[in-house]
Amino acid sequence: MAAPPTISLEEFTCSICREIFQNPVSLACEHCFCRRCVEGTKKPLSPPTTDLTVIPNGERSSLTSRLVYKPTRFEKDVCFVCAMCRAESFGFYECKDLQSDLETLEAPCANCNKSLALCELRRHSEKCVPPKKTINTATIKRAFTADLLKQLSAPQAKALEKARSGQNRSTFQCPYCERANFTIEHMCRHIEKHHLDENPRRVCPVCSSMPWGNQYQQSSNVYEHLLQRHRFDYSTYVKYDQDEEAMMAEAIERSMMQH
């Protein structure tokens, strides 16, 4: 049995929205777009730059050897400007054969690999969520052999050591309960919803995760502390491999250079 023809999605992609054609139509220059997209190319009436009394020749599909479209002219009194070649056209043409290809030809979804007709693939792709990538930590650890570790620079070796130790300064555990993996913003919302009536004296999970942090130092009101002290992403401003004195010295040096 002969293998099905390989489909290039680019041949069935609208140049305006960069999605698979939806209700495809063609202008007189023979460039094809979604009907909704071509509506956005209207302009005030002006003399056409091409003779529209002749219906454009249909192109033949490399996949089916049939005419790509047999145009029927719509909106004859409206001027459209092609988004590809900038030619002006009065009206547009329905691409019936191209629509037929969209309904019969199939291609796999890039996320779930399910094979669908092209006309269904566009709607499916909008809702299909790509599977989460799983990381096999055991395989990663085996990849870091002794010979490879010797080739790492000092900063790379420090970064690997931190990764192996499982240090995480992007998400945090709630200071009140065992729920974890909160961003700072989501943790504040969680506290507002579940813990505002509890004793506010807690250890700040953000401060305690820092290299200079004290895991036992409690804040008098951890919620207010989070709002006032941690309304930014530490990774944007902080080098975790430096202590406070080194960061202060670097900040003073940069300030003196700029001012």
Protein backbone atom coordinates (compact mmCIF):
# COMPACT_ATOMS: atom_id res chain seq x y z
CA MET A 1 0.00 0.00 0.00
CA ALA A 2 1.39 3.39 -0.98
CA ALA A 3 2.32 5.72 1.85
CA PRO A 4 0.09 8.79 2.25
CA PRO A 5 1.56 12.00 0.81
CA THR A 6 3.61 14.15 3.14
CA ILE A 7 1.73 17.32 3.97
CA SER A 8 3.49 20.63 4.41
CA LEU A 9 1.34 22.70 6.76
CA GLU A 10 2.90 25.84 5.31
CA GLU A 11 0.89 25.22 2.11
CA PHE A 12 -2.30 25.38 4.18
CA THR A 13 -1.30 28.28 6.45
CA CYS A 14 -2.76 31.78 6.16
CA SER A 15 -0.04 34.40 5.75
CA ILE A 16 -1.95 36.89 7.92
CA CYS A 17 -2.93 34.93 11.04
CA ARG A 18 -0.29 32.19 10.55
CA GLU A 19 -2.89 29.53 11.33
CA ILE A 20 -4.38 26.78 9.16
CA PHE A 21 -6.87 28.27 6.69
CA GLN A 22 -10.40 28.80 7.96
CA ASN A 23 -12.96 29.44 5.19
CA PRO A 24 -10.20 30.17 2.63
CA VAL A 25 -10.69 32.83 -0.03
CA SER A 26 -8.46 34.22 -2.79
CA LEU A 27 -7.91 37.71 -4.15
CA ALA A 28 -7.43 38.40 -7.87
CA CYS A 29 -3.67 38.06 -7.46
CA GLU A 30 -4.34 34.42 -6.43
CA HIS A 31 -2.94 34.78 -2.91
CA CYS A 32 -5.10 32.92 -0.42
CA PHE A 33 -6.20 33.95 3.11
CA CYS A 34 -8.82 33.15 5.72
CA ARG A 35 -12.09 34.94 4.99
CA ARG A 36 -12.00 36.68 8.36
CA CYS A 37 -8.40 37.79 7.78
CA VAL A 38 -9.07 39.21 4.30
CA GLU A 39 -11.82 41.40 5.76
CA GLY A 40 -9.07 43.33 7.51
CA THR A 41 -7.43 44.27 4.21
CA LYS A 42 -10.31 46.47 2.98
CA LYS A 43 -9.54 50.00 1.81
CA PRO A 44 -11.57 52.91 0.38
CA LEU A 45 -12.64 52.38 -3.22
CA SER A 46 -10.02 53.15 -5.86
CA PRO A 47 -9.45 51.98 -9.47
CA PRO A 48 -8.21 48.37 -9.53
CA THR A 49 -4.62 47.69 -10.54
CA THR A 50 -5.56 44.43 -12.27
CA ASP A 51 -8.20 43.43 -14.81
CA LEU A 52 -10.74 41.55 -12.72
CA THR A 53 -12.98 40.65 -15.65
CA VAL A 54 -10.88 37.50 -16.05
CA ILE A 55 -11.16 34.88 -13.34
CA PRO A 56 -7.66 33.86 -12.15
CA ASN A 57 -6.31 30.52 -13.26
CA GLY A 58 -6.62 27.77 -10.65
CA GLU A 59 -3.35 26.35 -9.35
CA ARG A 60 -2.89 22.62 -9.18
CA SER A 61 -2.27 20.95 -5.82
CA SER A 62 0.99 19.01 -5.61
CA LEU A 63 -0.82 16.51 -3.39
CA THR A 64 -4.01 15.84 -5.35
CA SER A 65 -3.25 17.15 -8.89
CA ARG A 66 -6.64 18.89 -8.78
CA LEU A 67 -7.40 22.58 -9.11
CA VAL A 68 -6.73 24.27 -5.78
CA TYR A 69 -9.80 26.47 -6.09
CA LYS A 70 -12.66 27.28 -8.44
CA PRO A 71 -13.40 30.86 -7.45
CA THR A 72 -16.82 32.41 -6.96
CA ARG A 73 -16.59 36.18 -6.66
CA PHE A 74 -17.91 37.97 -3.53
CA GLU A 75 -18.11 41.64 -2.44
CA LYS A 76 -17.45 42.91 -5.96
CA ASP A 77 -17.70 46.60 -4.98
CA VAL A 78 -15.18 46.40 -2.11
CA CYS A 79 -11.46 46.98 -2.63
CA PHE A 80 -8.99 44.68 -0.86
CA VAL A 81 -5.20 45.06 -0.68
CA CYS A 82 -3.25 41.79 -0.74
CA ALA A 83 -1.11 41.35 2.36
CA MET A 84 1.52 39.54 0.28
CA CYS A 85 2.01 41.52 -2.94
CA ARG A 86 0.00 44.70 -2.12
CA ALA A 87 -2.07 44.34 -5.34
CA GLU A 88 -5.57 45.79 -5.15
CA SER A 89 -8.57 43.57 -5.88
CA PHE A 90 -12.28 44.23 -6.08
CA GLY A 91 -13.94 41.33 -4.30
CA PHE A 92 -12.55 37.90 -3.46
CA TYR A 93 -13.09 34.31 -4.52
CA GLU A 94 -14.15 31.28 -2.54
CA CYS A 95 -11.53 28.50 -2.60
CA LYS A 96 -13.75 25.43 -2.80
CA ASP A 97 -11.08 22.91 -3.73
CA LEU A 98 -8.73 24.19 -1.04
CA GLN A 99 -11.57 23.85 1.46
CA SER A 100 -12.06 20.29 0.22
CA ASP A 101 -8.39 19.53 0.89
CA LEU A 102 -8.72 20.96 4.41
CA GLU A 103 -11.63 18.59 5.07
CA THR A 104 -9.99 15.45 3.66
CA LEU A 105 -6.23 15.70 4.24
CA GLU A 106 -4.88 14.84 7.69
CA ALA A 107 -1.84 15.84 9.73
CA PRO A 108 -0.67 15.02 13.29
CA CYS A 109 -1.05 17.42 16.20
CA ALA A 110 2.32 18.83 17.26
CA ASN A 111 1.41 18.34 20.95
CA CYS A 112 -0.36 14.98 21.22
CA ASN A 113 0.49 13.49 17.78
CA LYS A 114 -3.17 12.70 17.13
CA SER A 115 -3.96 12.65 13.40
CA LEU A 116 -6.79 14.98 12.41
CA ALA A 117 -8.27 16.56 9.31
CA LEU A 118 -6.65 19.94 8.67
CA CYS A 119 -9.93 21.81 9.25
CA GLU A 120 -10.20 20.18 12.71
CA LEU A 121 -6.50 20.48 13.54
CA ARG A 122 -6.69 24.26 13.96
CA ARG A 123 -9.47 24.07 16.58
CA HIS A 124 -7.81 21.09 18.27
CA SER A 125 -4.42 22.83 18.54
CA GLU A 126 -5.98 25.82 20.31
CA LYS A 127 -7.12 23.56 23.17
CA CYS A 128 -4.51 20.78 23.17
CA VAL A 129 -1.99 21.26 25.98
CA PRO A 130 1.51 19.90 25.34
CA PRO A 131 2.46 17.11 27.78
CA LYS A 132 4.69 18.10 30.65
CA LYS A 133 8.25 17.01 30.22
CA THR A 134 9.45 14.63 32.93
CA ILE A 135 13.04 14.75 34.09
CA ASN A 136 14.76 11.53 35.07
CA THR A 137 17.11 12.78 37.78
CA ALA A 138 18.91 9.44 38.02
CA THR A 139 19.85 9.59 34.34
CA ILE A 140 21.08 13.18 34.72
CA LYS A 141 23.26 12.27 37.69
CA ARG A 142 24.82 9.35 35.79
CA ALA A 143 25.67 11.72 32.93
CA PHE A 144 27.90 13.80 35.19
CA THR A 145 30.94 11.54 35.30
CA ALA A 146 34.14 12.41 37.11
CA ASP A 147 35.86 13.32 33.83
CA LEU A 148 33.06 15.74 32.92
CA LEU A 149 33.13 17.41 36.33
CA LYS A 150 36.84 18.12 35.96
CA GLN A 151 36.10 20.14 32.80
CA LEU A 152 33.65 22.48 34.53
CA SER A 153 34.64 26.01 35.52
CA ALA A 154 34.28 27.11 39.16
CA PRO A 155 30.91 28.89 38.58
CA GLN A 156 29.59 25.86 36.67
CA ALA A 157 30.66 23.52 39.45
CA LYS A 158 28.91 25.72 42.04
CA ALA A 159 25.75 25.81 39.96
CA LEU A 160 25.80 22.01 39.61
CA GLU A 161 26.29 21.61 43.36
CA LYS A 162 23.28 23.83 44.06
CA ALA A 163 21.16 21.95 41.51
CA ARG A 164 22.10 18.61 43.07
CA SER A 165 21.26 19.86 46.55
CA GLY A 166 17.77 20.74 45.31
CA GLN A 167 17.89 24.44 46.18
CA ASN A 168 14.74 26.17 44.94
CA ARG A 169 14.26 29.91 45.24
CA SER A 170 11.38 30.24 42.79
CA THR A 171 8.59 28.57 44.76
CA PHE A 172 8.06 28.31 48.50
CA GLN A 173 6.16 26.47 51.21
CA CYS A 174 3.40 28.28 53.08
CA PRO A 175 4.69 29.47 56.49
CA TYR A 176 1.40 28.35 58.08
CA CYS A 177 0.71 24.93 56.58
CA GLU A 178 2.36 22.13 54.58
CA ARG A 179 1.20 23.31 51.16
CA ALA A 180 4.15 24.14 48.92
CA ASN A 181 5.22 25.22 45.42
CA PHE A 182 3.77 28.72 45.80
CA THR A 183 5.14 31.72 43.98
CA ILE A 184 5.27 34.77 46.25
CA GLU A 185 2.13 36.22 44.68
CA HIS A 186 0.18 32.98 45.01
CA MET A 187 1.43 32.47 48.57
CA CYS A 188 0.08 35.90 49.56
CA ARG A 189 -3.28 35.02 48.04
CA HIS A 190 -3.26 31.69 49.89
CA ILE A 191 -2.53 33.41 53.22
CA GLU A 192 -5.28 35.98 52.58
CA LYS A 193 -7.78 33.21 51.96
CA HIS A 194 -6.83 30.71 54.67
CA HIS A 195 -4.54 32.11 57.37
CA LEU A 196 -5.15 35.81 58.09
CA ASP A 197 -6.90 34.97 61.37
CA GLU A 198 -3.94 32.91 62.64
CA ASN A 199 -0.86 33.99 64.60
CA PRO A 200 1.12 36.16 62.11
CA ARG A 201 4.48 35.51 63.79
CA ARG A 202 6.22 33.10 61.38
CA VAL A 203 9.53 32.43 59.64
CA CYS A 204 9.59 34.01 56.18
CA PRO A 205 10.09 31.17 53.65
CA VAL A 206 11.72 33.54 51.14
CA CYS A 207 14.31 34.95 53.52
CA SER A 208 15.14 31.54 54.97
CA SER A 209 15.87 30.16 51.47
CA MET A 210 18.56 32.77 50.79
CA PRO A 211 22.26 31.91 51.35
CA TRP A 212 22.39 34.49 54.15
CA GLY A 213 18.95 33.63 55.52
CA ASN A 214 18.22 32.51 59.08
CA GLN A 215 15.85 29.55 59.10
CA TYR A 216 14.80 30.29 62.69
CA GLN A 217 14.29 34.06 62.63
CA GLN A 218 10.59 34.89 62.85
CA SER A 219 8.84 37.92 61.43
CA SER A 220 6.32 39.70 63.64
CA ASN A 221 3.82 39.64 60.74
CA VAL A 222 4.93 37.39 57.92
CA TYR A 223 2.09 38.43 55.59
CA GLU A 224 2.92 42.16 55.84
CA HIS A 225 6.59 41.26 55.54
CA LEU A 226 5.96 39.40 52.26
CA LEU A 227 3.97 42.31 50.85
CA GLN A 228 6.58 44.93 51.77
CA ARG A 229 9.86 43.08 51.24
CA HIS A 230 9.26 40.51 48.52
CA ARG A 231 7.26 42.17 45.76
CA PHE A 232 9.98 41.37 43.20
CA ASP A 233 11.81 38.32 41.89
CA TYR A 234 15.08 37.89 43.77
CA SER A 235 16.75 36.17 40.83
CA THR A 236 16.52 39.46 38.90
CA TYR A 237 18.60 41.37 41.43
CA VAL A 238 20.55 38.84 43.50
CA LYS A 239 23.61 36.72 42.80
CA TYR A 240 23.11 33.72 45.05
CA ASP A 241 26.81 32.80 45.09
CA GLN A 242 27.68 36.13 46.82
CA ASP A 243 27.27 37.00 50.47
CA GLU A 244 25.76 40.29 51.67
CA GLU A 245 29.10 42.08 52.05
CA ALA A 246 30.21 41.20 48.51
CA MET A 247 26.89 42.35 47.05
CA MET A 248 27.01 45.61 49.02
CA ALA A 249 30.56 46.29 47.83
CA GLU A 250 29.57 45.63 44.21
CA ALA A 251 26.51 47.88 44.51
CA ILE A 252 28.62 50.76 45.94
CA GLU A 253 31.24 50.32 43.22
CA ARG A 254 28.62 50.44 40.44
CA SER A 255 26.96 53.46 42.02
CA MET A 256 30.26 55.37 42.13
CA MET A 257 30.96 54.52 38.49
CA GLN A 258 27.54 55.78 37.37
CA HIS A 259 27.44 58.93 39.50
